[in-house]
C-alpha atoms as a PDB file:
ATOM      1  CA  MET A   1      85.154 115.413 121.624  1.00  0.00           C
ATOM      2  CA  THR A   2      83.302 118.043 119.705  1.00  0.00           C
ATOM      3  CA  ALA A   3      84.549 119.564 116.506  1.00  0.00           C
ATOM      4  CA  SER A   4      86.529 122.778 116.462  1.00  0.00           C
ATOM      5  CA  SER A   5      83.434 124.598 115.224  1.00  0.00           C
ATOM      6  CA  GLY A   6      82.073 124.298 118.753  1.00  0.00           C
ATOM      7  CA  GLN A   7      78.696 123.209 117.389  1.00  0.00           C
ATOM      8  CA  LEU A   8      79.231 119.990 115.474  1.00  0.00           C
ATOM      9  CA  THR A   9      80.185 116.637 116.930  1.00  0.00           C
ATOM     10  CA  THR A  10      82.853 114.527 115.285  1.00  0.00           C
ATOM     11  CA  ALA A  11      80.164 112.210 113.881  1.00  0.00           C
ATOM     12  CA  GLU A  12      78.247 115.165 112.412  1.00  0.00           C
ATOM     13  CA  LEU A  13      81.421 116.575 110.865  1.00  0.00           C
ATOM     14  CA  VAL A  14      82.249 113.208 109.290  1.00  0.00           C
ATOM     15  CA  GLU A  15      78.757 112.875 107.815  1.00  0.00           C
ATOM     16  CA  LEU A  16      78.788 116.409 106.404  1.00  0.00           C
ATOM     17  CA  ILE A  17      82.253 116.031 104.913  1.00  0.00           C
ATOM     18  CA  THR A  18      81.468 112.685 103.287  1.00  0.00           C
ATOM     19  CA  ASP A  19      78.215 114.125 101.891  1.00  0.00           C
ATOM     20  CA  TYR A  20      79.996 117.156 100.415  1.00  0.00           C
ATOM     21  CA  ALA A  21      82.728 114.942  98.945  1.00  0.00           C
ATOM     22  CA  GLN A  22      80.162 112.932  97.014  1.00  0.00           C
ATOM     23  CA  GLY A  23      78.934 115.969  95.045  1.00  0.00           C
ATOM     24  CA  PRO A  24      82.030 116.030  92.810  1.00  0.00           C
ATOM     25  CA  LYS A  25      82.007 112.217  92.764  1.00  0.00           C
ATOM     26  CA  ALA A  26      84.745 111.283  95.222  1.00  0.00           C
ATOM     27  CA  VAL A  27      85.407 107.551  95.177  1.00  0.00           C
ATOM     28  CA  ASP A  28      86.753 105.073  97.724  1.00  0.00           C
ATOM     29  CA  LEU A  29      85.537 107.138 100.675  1.00  0.00           C
ATOM     30  CA  VAL A  30      86.756 105.663 103.955  1.00  0.00           C
ATOM     31  CA  VAL A  31      86.358 106.926 107.513  1.00  0.00           C
ATOM     32  CA  LEU A  32      89.004 105.881 110.039  1.00  0.00           C
ATOM     33  CA  ASP A  33      88.037 106.190 113.721  1.00  0.00           C
ATOM     34  CA  LEU A  34      91.202 107.381 115.454  1.00  0.00           C
ATOM     35  CA  SER A  35      89.540 108.409 118.723  1.00  0.00           C
ATOM     36  CA  SER A  36      91.280 105.682 120.723  1.00  0.00           C
ATOM     37  CA  ALA A  37      94.564 105.754 118.784  1.00  0.00           C
ATOM     38  CA  SER A  38      95.437 109.431 118.333  1.00  0.00           C
ATOM     39  CA  ALA A  39      95.747 112.502 120.496  1.00  0.00           C
ATOM     40  CA  PHE A  40      95.602 114.957 117.586  1.00  0.00           C
ATOM     41  CA  THR A  41      92.332 114.018 115.864  1.00  0.00           C
ATOM     42  CA  ASP A  42      89.322 111.734 116.216  1.00  0.00           C
ATOM     43  CA  ALA A  43      88.843 110.716 112.590  1.00  0.00           C
ATOM     44  CA  PHE A  44      90.330 110.698 109.124  1.00  0.00           C
ATOM     45  CA  VAL A  45      88.132 110.935 106.065  1.00  0.00           C
ATOM     46  CA  VAL A  46      90.046 109.536 103.091  1.00  0.00           C
ATOM     47  CA  ALA A  47      88.817 110.034  99.527  1.00  0.00           C
ATOM     48  CA  THR A  48      90.058 109.684  95.972  1.00  0.00           C
ATOM     49  CA  GLY A  49      89.586 111.941  92.981  1.00  0.00           C
ATOM     50  CA  ARG A  50      90.386 110.431  89.601  1.00  0.00           C
ATOM     51  CA  SER A  51      92.522 113.449  88.573  1.00  0.00           C
ATOM     52  CA  ASP A  52      94.158 116.493  90.155  1.00  0.00           C
ATOM     53  CA  ARG A  53      91.258 118.573  88.829  1.00  0.00           C
ATOM     54  CA  GLN A  54      88.758 116.305  90.573  1.00  0.00           C
ATOM     55  CA  VAL A  55      90.810 116.391  93.798  1.00  0.00           C
ATOM     56  CA  LYS A  56      90.548 120.198  93.711  1.00  0.00           C
ATOM     57  CA  ALA A  57      86.792 119.976  93.042  1.00  0.00           C
ATOM     58  CA  ILE A  58      86.313 117.654  96.031  1.00  0.00           C
ATOM     59  CA  HIS A  59      88.326 120.038  98.217  1.00  0.00           C
ATOM     60  CA  GLU A  60      86.243 122.977  97.000  1.00  0.00           C
ATOM     61  CA  ALA A  61      82.943 121.182  97.647  1.00  0.00           C
ATOM     62  CA  ILE A  62      83.934 120.299 101.215  1.00  0.00           C
ATOM     63  CA  HIS A  63      85.482 123.707 101.943  1.00  0.00           C
ATOM     64  CA  GLN A  64      82.562 125.724 100.535  1.00  0.00           C
ATOM     65  CA  GLY A  65      79.891 123.471 102.011  1.00  0.00           C
ATOM     66  CA  MET A  66      81.357 123.644 105.492  1.00  0.00           C
ATOM     67  CA  LYS A  67      81.910 127.397 105.205  1.00  0.00           C
ATOM     68  CA  ASP A  68      78.581 128.344 103.640  1.00  0.00           C
ATOM     69  CA  ASP A  69      76.315 125.930 105.509  1.00  0.00           C
ATOM     70  CA  HIS A  70      78.032 125.751 108.902  1.00  0.00           C
ATOM     71  CA  GLY A  71      80.432 128.703 109.167  1.00  0.00           C
ATOM     72  CA  THR A  72      83.317 126.285 109.646  1.00  0.00           C
ATOM     73  CA  LEU A  73      86.712 126.670 108.007  1.00  0.00           C
ATOM     74  CA  PRO A  74      89.608 124.236 108.220  1.00  0.00           C
ATOM     75  CA  SER A  75      92.430 125.365 110.486  1.00  0.00           C
ATOM     76  CA  HIS A  76      94.918 124.239 107.865  1.00  0.00           C
ATOM     77  CA  VAL A  77      94.965 123.198 104.200  1.00  0.00           C
ATOM     78  CA  GLU A  78      97.948 121.580 102.474  1.00  0.00           C
ATOM     79  CA  GLY A  79      98.702 120.326  98.983  1.00  0.00           C
ATOM     80  CA  LEU A  80      96.207 122.357  97.003  1.00  0.00           C
ATOM     81  CA  ARG A  81      98.728 123.622  94.461  1.00  0.00           C
ATOM     82  CA  GLU A  82      99.916 120.146  93.418  1.00  0.00           C
ATOM     83  CA  ALA A  83      96.541 118.524  94.147  1.00  0.00           C
ATOM     84  CA  SER A  84      97.816 114.960  94.293  1.00  0.00           C
ATOM     85  CA  TRP A  85      97.175 114.910  98.069  1.00  0.00           C
ATOM     86  CA  VAL A  86      95.091 117.646  99.660  1.00  0.00           C
ATOM     87  CA  LEU A  87      94.669 117.769 103.422  1.00  0.00           C
ATOM     88  CA  LEU A  88      91.983 119.771 105.232  1.00  0.00           C
ATOM     89  CA  ASP A  89      92.277 119.955 109.024  1.00  0.00           C
ATOM     90  CA  TYR A  90      88.952 120.453 110.791  1.00  0.00           C
ATOM     91  CA  GLY A  91      90.419 119.666 114.219  1.00  0.00           C
ATOM     92  CA  ASP A  92      88.610 116.524 115.253  1.00  0.00           C
ATOM     93  CA  VAL A  93      88.373 115.423 111.607  1.00  0.00           C
ATOM     94  CA  VAL A  94      91.234 115.519 109.104  1.00  0.00           C
ATOM     95  CA  VAL A  95      90.348 115.051 105.435  1.00  0.00           C
ATOM     96  CA  HIS A  96      92.794 113.478 102.966  1.00  0.00           C
ATOM     97  CA  ILE A  97      91.945 113.667  99.251  1.00  0.00           C
ATOM     98  CA  PHE A  98      94.265 111.763  96.926  1.00  0.00           C
ATOM     99  CA  THR A  99      94.751 111.016  93.267  1.00  0.00           C
ATOM    100  CA  PRO A 100      94.735 107.219  92.755  1.00  0.00           C
ATOM    101  CA  ALA A 101      98.517 106.889  92.302  1.00  0.00           C
ATOM    102  CA  THR A 102      99.290 108.999  95.373  1.00  0.00           C
ATOM    103  CA  ARG A 103      96.820 107.104  97.548  1.00  0.00           C
ATOM    104  CA  GLU A 104      98.332 103.793  96.417  1.00  0.00           C
ATOM    105  CA  TYR A 105     101.864 105.058  97.077  1.00  0.00           C
ATOM    106  CA  TYR A 106     101.273 106.355 100.620  1.00  0.00           C
ATOM    107  CA  ARG A 107      98.714 103.725 101.706  1.00  0.00           C
ATOM    108  CA  LEU A 108      97.519 105.908 104.570  1.00  0.00           C
ATOM    109  CA  GLU A 109      94.854 103.436 105.659  1.00  0.00           C
ATOM    110  CA  THR A 110      97.438 100.700 106.257  1.00  0.00           C
ATOM    111  CA  LEU A 111      99.340 102.953 108.675  1.00  0.00           C
ATOM    112  CA  TRP A 112      96.226 102.947 110.844  1.00  0.00           C
ATOM    113  CA  GLY A 113      95.289  99.328 110.160  1.00  0.00           C
ATOM    114  CA  ASP A 114      94.191  98.562 113.730  1.00  0.00           C
ATOM    115  CA  VAL A 115      91.544 101.292 113.998  1.00  0.00           C
ATOM    116  CA  PRO A 116      87.871 100.861 113.125  1.00  0.00           C
ATOM    117  CA  ARG A 117      87.088 101.833 109.535  1.00  0.00           C
ATOM    118  CA  ARG A 118      83.896 102.448 107.627  1.00  0.00           C
ATOM    119  CA  GLU A 119      83.603 102.513 103.866  1.00  0.00           C
ATOM    120  CA  VAL A 120      81.114 105.078 102.614  1.00  0.00           C
ATOM    121  CA  SER A 121      78.972 104.008  99.693  1.00  0.00           C
ATOM    122  CA  THR A 122      79.177 106.646  96.989  1.00  0.00           C
ATOM    123  CA  GLY A 123      76.999 105.053  94.347  1.00  0.00           C
ATOM    124  CA  GLU A 124      79.938 105.311  91.931  1.00  0.00           C
ATOM    125  CA  PRO A 125      81.123 102.091  90.283  1.00  0.00           C
ATOM    126  CA  ASP A 126      84.626 100.856  91.057  1.00  0.00           C
ATOM    127  CA  GLU A 127      87.092 101.080  88.171  1.00  0.00           C
ATOM    128  CA  THR A 128      86.828  97.297  87.790  1.00  0.00           C
ATOM    129  CA  ASP A 129      83.041  97.615  87.385  1.00  0.00           C
ATOM    130  CA  GLU A 130      83.444  99.991  84.460  1.00  0.00           C
ATOM    131  CA  GLN A 131      85.197  97.467  82.226  1.00  0.00           C
END
C-alpha cells in the first residue's frame, strides 16, 4: 500500500515520522508492522513524551514536518487537548504519542503482540540509565 499522500510509501512515511519525533526527544519509539494483521492501517508508530507538554511538542514536530516538507496532513487527530495520548492518522500509518503512565496503562504494543516490531534508536538514555 502507499500512503494517503499518494506519493510516499508506508516505509517512507514511517521513517519520516520517526525522524520528526526525535527532534523533540521522543523516547521508546516502536514501529509495529500491521500490514498482515489489520485492514485499516499498515503500521503503528508508538512514542512516549515524558510530559503532556512534550507529547504536544512531538505531535507538533510530526504534524509540521509532514505538512511543510511533504504537503501531507493527518486525516484525523485525537487527544491533543489532554495530551496524555495523541493519535495522528496518516492512513497507512497511525501515530500514537503517550505520556509514560498512559502508555503503561493501555499497553498498546501488547494488543498487537504477534506482529513484527522494530524499536527505533533515539540516542536518548532510558530512565534507568539516568540514575
